[in-house]
Amino acid sequence: MNRPARFIILSCVFSSAIAHAATTADLSAEASRPAPNDLARATLFAEAVGASPAETAKKVNAQIAEALASTKGQSRIKVQTAGTHTYPVHTKTAKIESWRMRSEIALESTDIAALSDLTGKLQATLGVSSITLAPAPDTRKKAEAEAMLDAINAFRARAKLVADAFGKPYRIKHLSIGQQGYRPPMPMMRAAPAAAMDMAPMPVEAGESTISVTVSGQIEIAD
């Protein structure tokens, strides 16, 4: 099995502190580790138009209630309502001609297959607003820890290389560690509810994210 790829970027800046008879060098190193996108989030919505807010709410609330009922028993999927918006629809003369309401529910799970299957079933009555894939918190922390060690080792190796070029020892004056990550979302076009006969699991390809850590600092090269 191939070892996960690591990406390391190094840089350094030299300066001389004559008053203290010492040479300093600013160094930085960046390392990256791949992390599987093992957490999926999906947002689905119900939307309707009616002559009054009450009429519109009745339609939307019924759809949401039906959808929530169908998620019962899904112990590995976190389900919650995600927001409701009601607003008037105006004519060209600024007169209110109807009311539109949109309500959303959010699904979250590390069981991507189960979430895909449930999302497909819910499309019988709901539209899909988005699906996002990212590393779960524990997965992300593990990749960050590995990338951090890689970056620190790369920083130390660079510091030694610089000091050896002068033929002198060095010490680290200060060090800072910055973490950043890339979460490629899986964008989807807004999808309207599908006919019941067309229900099928939502196709999802998890893939990976790249988690990066940067170590930067300054070393002082002894006389």
C-alpha atoms as a PDB file:
ATOM      1  CA  MET A   1       0.000   0.000   0.000  1.00  0.00           C
ATOM      2  CA  ASN A   2       1.477   3.338  -1.004  1.00  0.00           C
ATOM      3  CA  ARG A   3       2.325   5.660   1.823  1.00  0.00           C
ATOM      4  CA  PRO A   4       0.202   8.857   1.883  1.00  0.00           C
ATOM      5  CA  ALA A   5       1.864  11.688   0.044  1.00  0.00           C
ATOM      6  CA  ARG A   6       3.515  14.428   2.032  1.00  0.00           C
ATOM      7  CA  PHE A   7       4.125  17.916   0.718  1.00  0.00           C
ATOM      8  CA  ILE A   8       6.767  20.078   2.406  1.00  0.00           C
ATOM      9  CA  ILE A   9       7.589  23.682   1.535  1.00  0.00           C
ATOM     10  CA  LEU A  10      10.642  25.350   3.081  1.00  0.00           C
ATOM     11  CA  SER A  11      11.849  28.916   3.113  1.00  0.00           C
ATOM     12  CA  CYS A  12      14.415  30.958   5.010  1.00  0.00           C
ATOM     13  CA  VAL A  13      15.548  34.565   5.445  1.00  0.00           C
ATOM     14  CA  PHE A  14      18.914  35.546   6.908  1.00  0.00           C
ATOM     15  CA  SER A  15      19.726  38.620   8.967  1.00  0.00           C
ATOM     16  CA  SER A  16      22.694  39.734  11.013  1.00  0.00           C
ATOM     17  CA  ALA A  17      22.561  41.307  14.449  1.00  0.00           C
ATOM     18  CA  ILE A  18      25.971  42.975  14.608  1.00  0.00           C
ATOM     19  CA  ALA A  19      25.497  44.392  18.107  1.00  0.00           C
ATOM     20  CA  HIS A  20      25.018  40.930  19.502  1.00  0.00           C
ATOM     21  CA  ALA A  21      27.562  39.322  17.168  1.00  0.00           C
ATOM     22  CA  ALA A  22      25.046  36.728  16.039  1.00  0.00           C
ATOM     23  CA  THR A  23      23.409  35.666  12.815  1.00  0.00           C
ATOM     24  CA  THR A  24      19.729  34.828  12.724  1.00  0.00           C
ATOM     25  CA  ALA A  25      17.678  33.051  10.099  1.00  0.00           C
ATOM     26  CA  ASP A  26      13.904  33.060   9.646  1.00  0.00           C
ATOM     27  CA  LEU A  27      12.697  29.666   8.509  1.00  0.00           C
ATOM     28  CA  SER A  28       9.374  28.127   7.623  1.00  0.00           C
ATOM     29  CA  ALA A  29       8.232  24.655   6.671  1.00  0.00           C
ATOM     30  CA  GLU A  30       4.857  23.407   5.536  1.00  0.00           C
ATOM     31  CA  ALA A  31       3.708  19.797   5.515  1.00  0.00           C
ATOM     32  CA  SER A  32       0.467  18.260   4.294  1.00  0.00           C
ATOM     33  CA  ARG A  33      -1.336  15.003   4.916  1.00  0.00           C
ATOM     34  CA  PRO A  34      -4.373  13.562   3.147  1.00  0.00           C
ATOM     35  CA  ALA A  35      -7.465  12.916   5.270  1.00  0.00           C
ATOM     36  CA  PRO A  36     -10.441  10.874   4.084  1.00  0.00           C
ATOM     37  CA  ASN A  37     -13.749  12.723   3.845  1.00  0.00           C
ATOM     38  CA  ASP A  38     -15.600  10.420   6.221  1.00  0.00           C
ATOM     39  CA  LEU A  39     -18.299  12.858   7.378  1.00  0.00           C
ATOM     40  CA  ALA A  40     -21.208  13.759   5.107  1.00  0.00           C
ATOM     41  CA  ARG A  41     -23.738  16.543   5.545  1.00  0.00           C
ATOM     42  CA  ALA A  42     -26.852  16.996   3.438  1.00  0.00           C
ATOM     43  CA  THR A  43     -29.401  19.804   3.463  1.00  0.00           C
ATOM     44  CA  LEU A  44     -32.881  19.162   2.051  1.00  0.00           C
ATOM     45  CA  PHE A  45     -35.774  21.570   1.699  1.00  0.00           C
ATOM     46  CA  ALA A  46     -39.508  21.868   1.273  1.00  0.00           C
ATOM     47  CA  GLU A  47     -40.880  24.930  -0.504  1.00  0.00           C
ATOM     48  CA  ALA A  48     -44.389  26.104  -1.306  1.00  0.00           C
ATOM     49  CA  VAL A  49     -46.370  29.168  -2.381  1.00  0.00           C
ATOM     50  CA  GLY A  50     -49.765  30.095  -0.964  1.00  0.00           C
ATOM     51  CA  ALA A  51     -52.244  32.918  -0.716  1.00  0.00           C
ATOM     52  CA  SER A  52     -51.357  33.553   2.945  1.00  0.00           C
ATOM     53  CA  PRO A  53     -48.504  32.749   5.346  1.00  0.00           C
ATOM     54  CA  ALA A  54     -50.760  30.307   7.228  1.00  0.00           C
ATOM     55  CA  GLU A  55     -51.733  28.434   4.075  1.00  0.00           C
ATOM     56  CA  THR A  56     -48.124  28.246   2.933  1.00  0.00           C
ATOM     57  CA  ALA A  57     -46.898  27.102   6.342  1.00  0.00           C
ATOM     58  CA  LYS A  58     -49.484  24.337   6.410  1.00  0.00           C
ATOM     59  CA  LYS A  59     -48.141  22.883   3.158  1.00  0.00           C
ATOM     60  CA  VAL A  60     -44.467  23.140   4.081  1.00  0.00           C
ATOM     61  CA  ASN A  61     -44.872  21.948   7.663  1.00  0.00           C
ATOM     62  CA  ALA A  62     -46.719  18.859   6.468  1.00  0.00           C
ATOM     63  CA  GLN A  63     -43.862  17.973   4.107  1.00  0.00           C
ATOM     64  CA  ILE A  64     -41.221  18.507   6.792  1.00  0.00           C
ATOM     65  CA  ALA A  65     -43.184  16.502   9.358  1.00  0.00           C
ATOM     66  CA  GLU A  66     -43.520  13.628   6.901  1.00  0.00           C
ATOM     67  CA  ALA A  67     -39.803  13.742   6.136  1.00  0.00           C
ATOM     68  CA  LEU A  68     -38.825  13.798   9.820  1.00  0.00           C
ATOM     69  CA  ALA A  69     -41.118  10.849  10.526  1.00  0.00           C
ATOM     70  CA  SER A  70     -39.389   8.839   7.802  1.00  0.00           C
ATOM     71  CA  THR A  71     -35.990   9.435   9.445  1.00  0.00           C
ATOM     72  CA  LYS A  72     -36.998   7.720  12.697  1.00  0.00           C
ATOM     73  CA  GLY A  73     -34.879   4.708  13.485  1.00  0.00           C
ATOM     74  CA  GLN A  74     -31.832   6.120  11.687  1.00  0.00           C
ATOM     75  CA  SER A  75     -29.592   5.935  14.753  1.00  0.00           C
ATOM     76  CA  ARG A  76     -26.386   6.636  12.822  1.00  0.00           C
ATOM     77  CA  ILE A  77     -27.713   9.774  11.157  1.00  0.00           C
ATOM     78  CA  LYS A  78     -28.109  13.051  13.010  1.00  0.00           C
ATOM     79  CA  VAL A  79     -31.254  14.844  11.830  1.00  0.00           C
ATOM     80  CA  GLN A  80     -32.358  18.361  12.720  1.00  0.00           C
ATOM     81  CA  THR A  81     -34.382  21.218  11.303  1.00  0.00           C
ATOM     82  CA  ALA A  82     -32.101  23.821   9.747  1.00  0.00           C
ATOM     83  CA  GLY A  83     -34.184  26.964   9.302  1.00  0.00           C
ATOM     84  CA  THR A  84     -37.425  28.341   7.920  1.00  0.00           C
ATOM     85  CA  HIS A  85     -37.963  31.442   5.803  1.00  0.00           C
ATOM     86  CA  THR A  86     -41.239  33.063   4.778  1.00  0.00           C
ATOM     87  CA  TYR A  87     -41.414  36.067   2.481  1.00  0.00           C
ATOM     88  CA  PRO A  88     -43.955  37.822   0.259  1.00  0.00           C
ATOM     89  CA  VAL A  89     -44.033  37.609  -3.521  1.00  0.00           C
ATOM     90  CA  HIS A  90     -44.815  40.985  -5.077  1.00  0.00           C
ATOM     91  CA  THR A  91     -46.361  42.013  -8.361  1.00  0.00           C
ATOM     92  CA  LYS A  92     -44.784  44.629 -10.598  1.00  0.00           C
ATOM     93  CA  THR A  93     -46.801  47.256  -8.734  1.00  0.00           C
ATOM     94  CA  ALA A  94     -45.309  46.128  -5.398  1.00  0.00           C
ATOM     95  CA  LYS A  95     -48.560  44.525  -4.283  1.00  0.00           C
ATOM     96  CA  ILE A  96     -48.295  41.229  -2.386  1.00  0.00           C
ATOM     97  CA  GLU A  97     -49.783  38.525  -4.565  1.00  0.00           C
ATOM     98  CA  SER A  98     -48.689  35.433  -2.599  1.00  0.00           C
ATOM     99  CA  TRP A  99     -46.391  34.076   0.081  1.00  0.00           C
ATOM    100  CA  ARG A 100     -43.461  31.729  -0.330  1.00  0.00           C
ATOM    101  CA  MET A 101     -42.036  29.572   2.427  1.00  0.00           C
ATOM    102  CA  ARG A 102     -38.944  27.398   2.546  1.00  0.00           C
ATOM    103  CA  SER A 103     -37.974  25.069   5.369  1.00  0.00           C
ATOM    104  CA  GLU A 104     -34.858  22.898   5.595  1.00  0.00           C
ATOM    105  CA  ILE A 105     -33.655  19.819   7.436  1.00  0.00           C
ATOM    106  CA  ALA A 106     -30.009  18.837   7.856  1.00  0.00           C
ATOM    107  CA  LEU A 107     -28.562  15.318   7.899  1.00  0.00           C
ATOM    108  CA  GLU A 108     -25.095  14.432   9.197  1.00  0.00           C
ATOM    109  CA  SER A 109     -23.377  11.070   9.451  1.00  0.00           C
ATOM    110  CA  THR A 110     -20.093   9.215   9.174  1.00  0.00           C
ATOM    111  CA  ASP A 111     -22.085   6.385   7.592  1.00  0.00           C
ATOM    112  CA  ILE A 112     -22.019   7.891   4.121  1.00  0.00           C
ATOM    113  CA  ALA A 113     -23.843   4.976   2.514  1.00  0.00           C
ATOM    114  CA  ALA A 114     -26.742   5.283   4.978  1.00  0.00           C
ATOM    115  CA  LEU A 115     -26.952   9.044   4.502  1.00  0.00           C
ATOM    116  CA  SER A 116     -26.894   8.592   0.720  1.00  0.00           C
ATOM    117  CA  ASP A 117     -29.715   6.081   0.915  1.00  0.00           C
ATOM    118  CA  LEU A 118     -31.856   8.260   3.210  1.00  0.00           C
ATOM    119  CA  THR A 119     -31.256  11.333   1.060  1.00  0.00           C
ATOM    120  CA  GLY A 120     -32.451   9.428  -1.984  1.00  0.00           C
ATOM    121  CA  LYS A 121     -35.636   8.376  -0.203  1.00  0.00           C
ATOM    122  CA  LEU A 122     -36.363  11.883   1.078  1.00  0.00           C
ATOM    123  CA  GLN A 123     -36.177  13.196  -2.477  1.00  0.00           C
ATOM    124  CA  ALA A 124     -39.627  11.765  -3.001  1.00  0.00           C
ATOM    125  CA  THR A 125     -40.988  14.895  -1.271  1.00  0.00           C
ATOM    126  CA  LEU A 126     -38.011  17.176  -0.660  1.00  0.00           C
ATOM    127  CA  GLY A 127     -35.424  18.914  -2.800  1.00  0.00           C
ATOM    128  CA  VAL A 128     -31.673  18.672  -2.153  1.00  0.00           C
ATOM    129  CA  SER A 129     -29.979  21.972  -1.409  1.00  0.00           C
ATOM    130  CA  SER A 130     -26.431  20.727  -0.835  1.00  0.00           C
ATOM    131  CA  ILE A 131     -24.205  17.833   0.111  1.00  0.00           C
ATOM    132  CA  THR A 132     -20.834  18.505   1.744  1.00  0.00           C
ATOM    133  CA  LEU A 133     -18.083  16.007   2.499  1.00  0.00           C
ATOM    134  CA  ALA A 134     -15.248  16.615   4.964  1.00  0.00           C
ATOM    135  CA  PRO A 135     -13.018  14.784   7.432  1.00  0.00           C
ATOM    136  CA  ALA A 136     -14.705  13.980  10.739  1.00  0.00           C
ATOM    137  CA  PRO A 137     -13.207  15.861  13.740  1.00  0.00           C
ATOM    138  CA  ASP A 138     -11.119  12.886  14.949  1.00  0.00           C
ATOM    139  CA  THR A 139      -9.913  12.148  11.429  1.00  0.00           C
ATOM    140  CA  ARG A 140      -8.927  15.760  10.944  1.00  0.00           C
ATOM    141  CA  LYS A 141      -7.058  15.895  14.283  1.00  0.00           C
ATOM    142  CA  LYS A 142      -5.070  12.776  13.401  1.00  0.00           C
ATOM    143  CA  ALA A 143      -4.015  14.193  10.024  1.00  0.00           C
ATOM    144  CA  GLU A 144      -3.130  17.538  11.637  1.00  0.00           C
ATOM    145  CA  ALA A 145      -0.953  15.812  14.253  1.00  0.00           C
ATOM    146  CA  GLU A 146       0.902  13.851  11.579  1.00  0.00           C
ATOM    147  CA  ALA A 147       1.378  16.917   9.395  1.00  0.00           C
ATOM    148  CA  MET A 148       2.590  18.893  12.415  1.00  0.00           C
ATOM    149  CA  LEU A 149       5.295  16.347  13.185  1.00  0.00           C
ATOM    150  CA  ASP A 150       6.345  16.340   9.522  1.00  0.00           C
ATOM    151  CA  ALA A 151       6.570  20.148   9.493  1.00  0.00           C
ATOM    152  CA  ILE A 152       8.533  20.304  12.766  1.00  0.00           C
ATOM    153  CA  ASN A 153      10.994  17.671  11.556  1.00  0.00           C
ATOM    154  CA  ALA A 154      11.384  19.541   8.281  1.00  0.00           C
ATOM    155  CA  PHE A 155      11.997  22.799  10.188  1.00  0.00           C
ATOM    156  CA  ARG A 156      14.656  21.153  12.366  1.00  0.00           C
ATOM    157  CA  ALA A 157      16.335  19.598   9.334  1.00  0.00           C
ATOM    158  CA  ARG A 158      16.401  22.957   7.588  1.00  0.00           C
ATOM    159  CA  ALA A 159      17.774  24.683  10.672  1.00  0.00           C
ATOM    160  CA  LYS A 160      20.563  22.109  10.957  1.00  0.00           C
ATOM    161  CA  LEU A 161      21.370  22.458   7.271  1.00  0.00           C
ATOM    162  CA  VAL A 162      21.723  26.220   7.625  1.00  0.00           C
ATOM    163  CA  ALA A 163      23.803  25.985  10.803  1.00  0.00           C
ATOM    164  CA  ASP A 164      26.060  23.302   9.313  1.00  0.00           C
ATOM    165  CA  ALA A 165      26.727  25.591   6.371  1.00  0.00           C
ATOM    166  CA  PHE A 166      28.238  28.035   8.869  1.00  0.00           C
ATOM    167  CA  GLY A 167      29.975  25.237  10.739  1.00  0.00           C
ATOM    168  CA  LYS A 168      28.339  26.365  13.972  1.00  0.00           C
ATOM    169  CA  PRO A 169      25.594  25.226  16.341  1.00  0.00           C
ATOM    170  CA  TYR A 170      22.231  26.935  16.529  1.00  0.00           C
ATOM    171  CA  ARG A 171      19.349  27.513  18.896  1.00  0.00           C
ATOM    172  CA  ILE A 172      15.685  28.192  18.203  1.00  0.00           C
ATOM    173  CA  LYS A 173      14.690  31.681  19.349  1.00  0.00           C
ATOM    174  CA  HIS A 174      10.966  31.267  18.710  1.00  0.00           C
ATOM    175  CA  LEU A 175       8.595  28.974  16.915  1.00  0.00           C
ATOM    176  CA  SER A 176       4.967  29.233  15.802  1.00  0.00           C
ATOM    177  CA  ILE A 177       2.650  26.587  14.394  1.00  0.00           C
ATOM    178  CA  GLY A 178      -0.297  27.361  12.160  1.00  0.00           C
ATOM    179  CA  GLN A 179      -2.930  24.906  11.027  1.00  0.00           C
ATOM    180  CA  GLN A 180      -5.071  25.126   7.978  1.00  0.00           C
ATOM    181  CA  GLY A 181      -7.124  22.673   6.046  1.00  0.00           C
ATOM    182  CA  TYR A 182      -8.860  22.309   2.737  1.00  0.00           C
ATOM    183  CA  ARG A 183     -12.394  20.895   2.679  1.00  0.00           C
ATOM    184  CA  PRO A 184     -13.494  20.399  -0.894  1.00  0.00           C
ATOM    185  CA  PRO A 185     -17.289  20.586  -0.832  1.00  0.00           C
ATOM    186  CA  MET A 186     -19.380  18.451  -3.103  1.00  0.00           C
ATOM    187  CA  PRO A 187     -21.630  21.105  -4.631  1.00  0.00           C
ATOM    188  CA  MET A 188     -24.910  20.018  -6.125  1.00  0.00           C
ATOM    189  CA  MET A 189     -27.448  21.826  -8.221  1.00  0.00           C
ATOM    190  CA  ARG A 190     -30.685  22.561  -6.456  1.00  0.00           C
ATOM    191  CA  ALA A 191     -32.766  19.458  -7.054  1.00  0.00           C
ATOM    192  CA  ALA A 192     -36.540  19.379  -7.021  1.00  0.00           C
ATOM    193  CA  PRO A 193     -38.415  16.489  -5.372  1.00  0.00           C
ATOM    194  CA  ALA A 194     -38.357  13.354  -7.505  1.00  0.00           C
ATOM    195  CA  ALA A 195     -41.182  10.978  -8.284  1.00  0.00           C
ATOM    196  CA  ALA A 196     -41.472   8.113  -5.811  1.00  0.00           C
ATOM    197  CA  MET A 197     -40.656   5.566  -8.507  1.00  0.00           C
ATOM    198  CA  ASP A 198     -37.345   7.326  -9.159  1.00  0.00           C
ATOM    199  CA  MET A 199     -36.075   7.148  -5.582  1.00  0.00           C
ATOM    200  CA  ALA A 200     -32.496   5.855  -5.376  1.00  0.00           C
ATOM    201  CA  PRO A 201     -29.466   6.451  -3.156  1.00  0.00           C
ATOM    202  CA  MET A 202     -27.808   9.809  -3.811  1.00  0.00           C
ATOM    203  CA  PRO A 203     -24.472   9.071  -5.570  1.00  0.00           C
ATOM    204  CA  VAL A 204     -21.611  10.221  -3.326  1.00  0.00           C
ATOM    205  CA  GLU A 205     -17.852   9.868  -3.852  1.00  0.00           C
ATOM    206  CA  ALA A 206     -16.103  10.737  -0.586  1.00  0.00           C
ATOM    207  CA  GLY A 207     -12.534  11.407  -1.739  1.00  0.00           C
ATOM    208  CA  GLU A 208      -9.959  13.143   0.452  1.00  0.00           C
ATOM    209  CA  SER A 209      -9.087  16.563   1.848  1.00  0.00           C
ATOM    210  CA  THR A 210      -5.594  17.954   2.291  1.00  0.00           C
ATOM    211  CA  ILE A 211      -4.719  19.052   5.821  1.00  0.00           C
ATOM    212  CA  SER A 212      -1.751  21.415   6.046  1.00  0.00           C
ATOM    213  CA  VAL A 213       0.361  22.689   8.929  1.00  0.00           C
ATOM    214  CA  THR A 214       2.937  25.480   8.745  1.00  0.00           C
ATOM    215  CA  VAL A 215       5.823  25.853  11.210  1.00  0.00           C
ATOM    216  CA  SER A 216       7.737  29.106  11.176  1.00  0.00           C
ATOM    217  CA  GLY A 217      10.335  30.573  13.496  1.00  0.00           C
ATOM    218  CA  GLN A 218      13.754  32.061  13.917  1.00  0.00           C
ATOM    219  CA  ILE A 219      17.051  30.430  14.752  1.00  0.00           C
ATOM    220  CA  GLU A 220      20.199  32.029  16.045  1.00  0.00           C
ATOM    221  CA  ILE A 221      23.535  30.760  14.814  1.00  0.00           C
ATOM    222  CA  ALA A 222      26.277  30.908  17.443  1.00  0.00           C
ATOM    223  CA  ASP A 223      29.628  32.581  16.871  1.00  0.00           C
END
